[in-house]
Amino acid sequence: MSDERTPPSLEELDTRLREARRNAGMDLPDPQPGVSGGKVSNRDMALGLRVGVELVAGVLFGLALGYGIDWWLGSKPWGMIVMIFLGAIAGFMNVYRLTSGQGYAAGFDKSQKRDGGE
């Protein structure tokens, strides 16, 4: 009883058990982050749908605004053409902010990281 070793922590035991099960072929390997094993998750589908909606909404809003400007000023095709391009640019900017995680904070900054939050 003179050998007083500290028992391994639960995390270490869990890691060793997972490794042994993986080596024995009893467990599937841990999934890599960002890889869904060929399946499309709901999160990926939601992101794809939102990207599509952002692009289409920007163009449609530009089309409607351009039509209104043309009707008001009588400059038949030019207001609509210019506003469609501006709407498409706004849609692409929204998709860029969405995919880069910048959000809608002022100055395109991640407000949580700037303020020290998580």
Protein backbone atom coordinates (compact mmCIF):
# COMPACT_ATOMS: atom_id res chain seq x y z
CA MET A 1 0.00 0.00 0.00
CA SER A 2 2.98 2.33 -0.17
CA ASP A 3 2.34 2.99 -3.88
CA GLU A 4 0.02 6.01 -3.80
CA ARG A 5 -0.74 6.89 -7.40
CA THR A 6 -3.45 9.36 -8.29
CA PRO A 7 -6.21 7.84 -10.40
CA PRO A 8 -6.52 9.13 -13.98
CA SER A 9 -9.08 11.82 -14.63
CA LEU A 10 -12.43 10.99 -16.21
CA GLU A 11 -11.50 12.87 -19.40
CA GLU A 12 -8.36 10.78 -19.78
CA LEU A 13 -10.29 7.55 -19.22
CA ASP A 14 -12.93 8.63 -21.73
CA THR A 15 -10.26 9.44 -24.31
CA ARG A 16 -8.54 6.10 -23.80
CA LEU A 17 -11.85 4.22 -23.99
CA ARG A 18 -12.84 5.96 -27.25
CA GLU A 19 -9.44 5.20 -28.76
CA ALA A 20 -9.67 1.52 -27.77
CA ARG A 21 -13.20 1.22 -29.20
CA ARG A 22 -12.08 2.90 -32.43
CA ASN A 23 -9.07 0.57 -32.75
CA ALA A 24 -11.29 -2.47 -32.15
CA GLY A 25 -13.69 -1.33 -34.89
CA MET A 26 -16.58 -0.92 -32.48
CA ASP A 27 -16.99 2.83 -33.00
CA LEU A 28 -17.04 5.11 -36.00
CA PRO A 29 -14.31 7.73 -36.15
CA ASP A 30 -15.14 11.13 -34.70
CA PRO A 31 -16.60 13.43 -37.35
CA GLN A 32 -14.33 16.22 -38.50
CA PRO A 33 -15.59 19.75 -37.94
CA GLY A 34 -17.38 21.11 -40.99
CA VAL A 35 -17.79 17.68 -42.60
CA SER A 36 -21.24 16.11 -42.42
CA GLY A 37 -20.34 12.76 -43.96
CA GLY A 38 -22.01 13.41 -47.31
CA LYS A 39 -25.30 14.42 -45.72
CA VAL A 40 -26.69 17.91 -45.96
CA SER A 41 -27.63 19.19 -42.53
CA ASN A 42 -30.52 21.53 -41.79
CA ARG A 43 -28.01 24.25 -40.96
CA ASP A 44 -26.42 23.98 -44.41
CA MET A 45 -29.80 24.03 -46.12
CA ALA A 46 -30.87 27.06 -44.10
CA LEU A 47 -27.68 28.89 -45.06
CA GLY A 48 -28.18 28.07 -48.74
CA LEU A 49 -31.79 29.21 -48.64
CA ARG A 50 -30.85 32.44 -46.92
CA VAL A 51 -28.12 33.14 -49.48
CA GLY A 52 -30.64 32.67 -52.30
CA VAL A 53 -33.22 34.86 -50.61
CA GLU A 54 -30.67 37.63 -49.99
CA LEU A 55 -29.65 37.69 -53.66
CA VAL A 56 -33.17 37.60 -55.05
CA ALA A 57 -34.52 40.11 -52.53
CA GLY A 58 -31.79 42.63 -53.39
CA VAL A 59 -32.53 42.45 -57.11
CA LEU A 60 -36.32 42.57 -56.63
CA PHE A 61 -36.09 45.52 -54.25
CA GLY A 62 -33.86 47.34 -56.74
CA LEU A 63 -36.31 46.55 -59.54
CA ALA A 64 -39.28 47.89 -57.57
CA LEU A 65 -37.42 51.00 -56.43
CA GLY A 66 -36.16 51.66 -59.96
CA TYR A 67 -39.65 51.27 -61.39
CA GLY A 68 -40.94 53.77 -58.83
CA ILE A 69 -38.18 56.24 -59.63
CA ASP A 70 -38.85 55.88 -63.37
CA TRP A 71 -42.58 56.42 -62.87
CA TRP A 72 -41.98 59.47 -60.65
CA LEU A 73 -39.27 61.15 -62.79
CA GLY A 74 -40.29 59.84 -66.21
CA SER A 75 -36.81 58.49 -67.02
CA LYS A 76 -38.18 55.22 -68.35
CA PRO A 77 -35.44 52.55 -68.36
CA TRP A 78 -32.53 54.25 -66.59
CA GLY A 79 -33.74 54.29 -63.00
CA MET A 80 -34.68 50.63 -63.17
CA ILE A 81 -31.37 49.61 -64.75
CA VAL A 82 -29.30 51.49 -62.20
CA MET A 83 -31.34 50.28 -59.23
CA ILE A 84 -31.24 46.63 -60.35
CA PHE A 85 -27.44 46.81 -60.36
CA LEU A 86 -27.40 48.53 -56.97
CA GLY A 87 -29.81 45.91 -55.60
CA ALA A 88 -27.59 43.10 -56.89
CA ILE A 89 -24.55 44.71 -55.28
CA ALA A 90 -26.45 45.05 -51.99
CA GLY A 91 -27.47 41.38 -52.21
CA PHE A 92 -23.86 40.29 -52.75
CA MET A 93 -22.74 42.45 -49.83
CA ASN A 94 -25.35 40.81 -47.60
CA VAL A 95 -24.20 37.34 -48.69
CA TYR A 96 -20.58 38.30 -48.00
CA ARG A 97 -21.46 39.56 -44.52
CA LEU A 98 -23.51 36.43 -43.87
CA THR A 99 -20.80 33.98 -44.92
CA SER A 100 -17.94 35.84 -43.25
CA GLY A 101 -19.83 36.16 -39.95
CA GLN A 102 -19.62 39.93 -39.80
CA GLY A 103 -23.27 40.52 -39.00
CA TYR A 104 -24.97 43.88 -39.18
CA ALA A 105 -22.97 45.84 -36.59
CA ALA A 106 -21.91 49.37 -37.48
CA GLY A 107 -18.76 49.38 -39.57
CA PHE A 108 -19.11 45.65 -40.39
CA ASP A 109 -17.35 44.83 -37.11
CA LYS A 110 -18.04 41.85 -34.89
CA SER A 111 -19.50 43.80 -31.99
CA GLN A 112 -19.26 40.91 -29.52
CA LYS A 113 -15.52 40.44 -29.97
CA ARG A 114 -14.91 44.19 -29.83
CA ASP A 115 -16.81 44.50 -26.56
CA GLY A 116 -15.08 41.49 -25.03
CA GLY A 117 -18.13 39.20 -25.07
CA GLU A 118 -18.21 35.67 -26.42
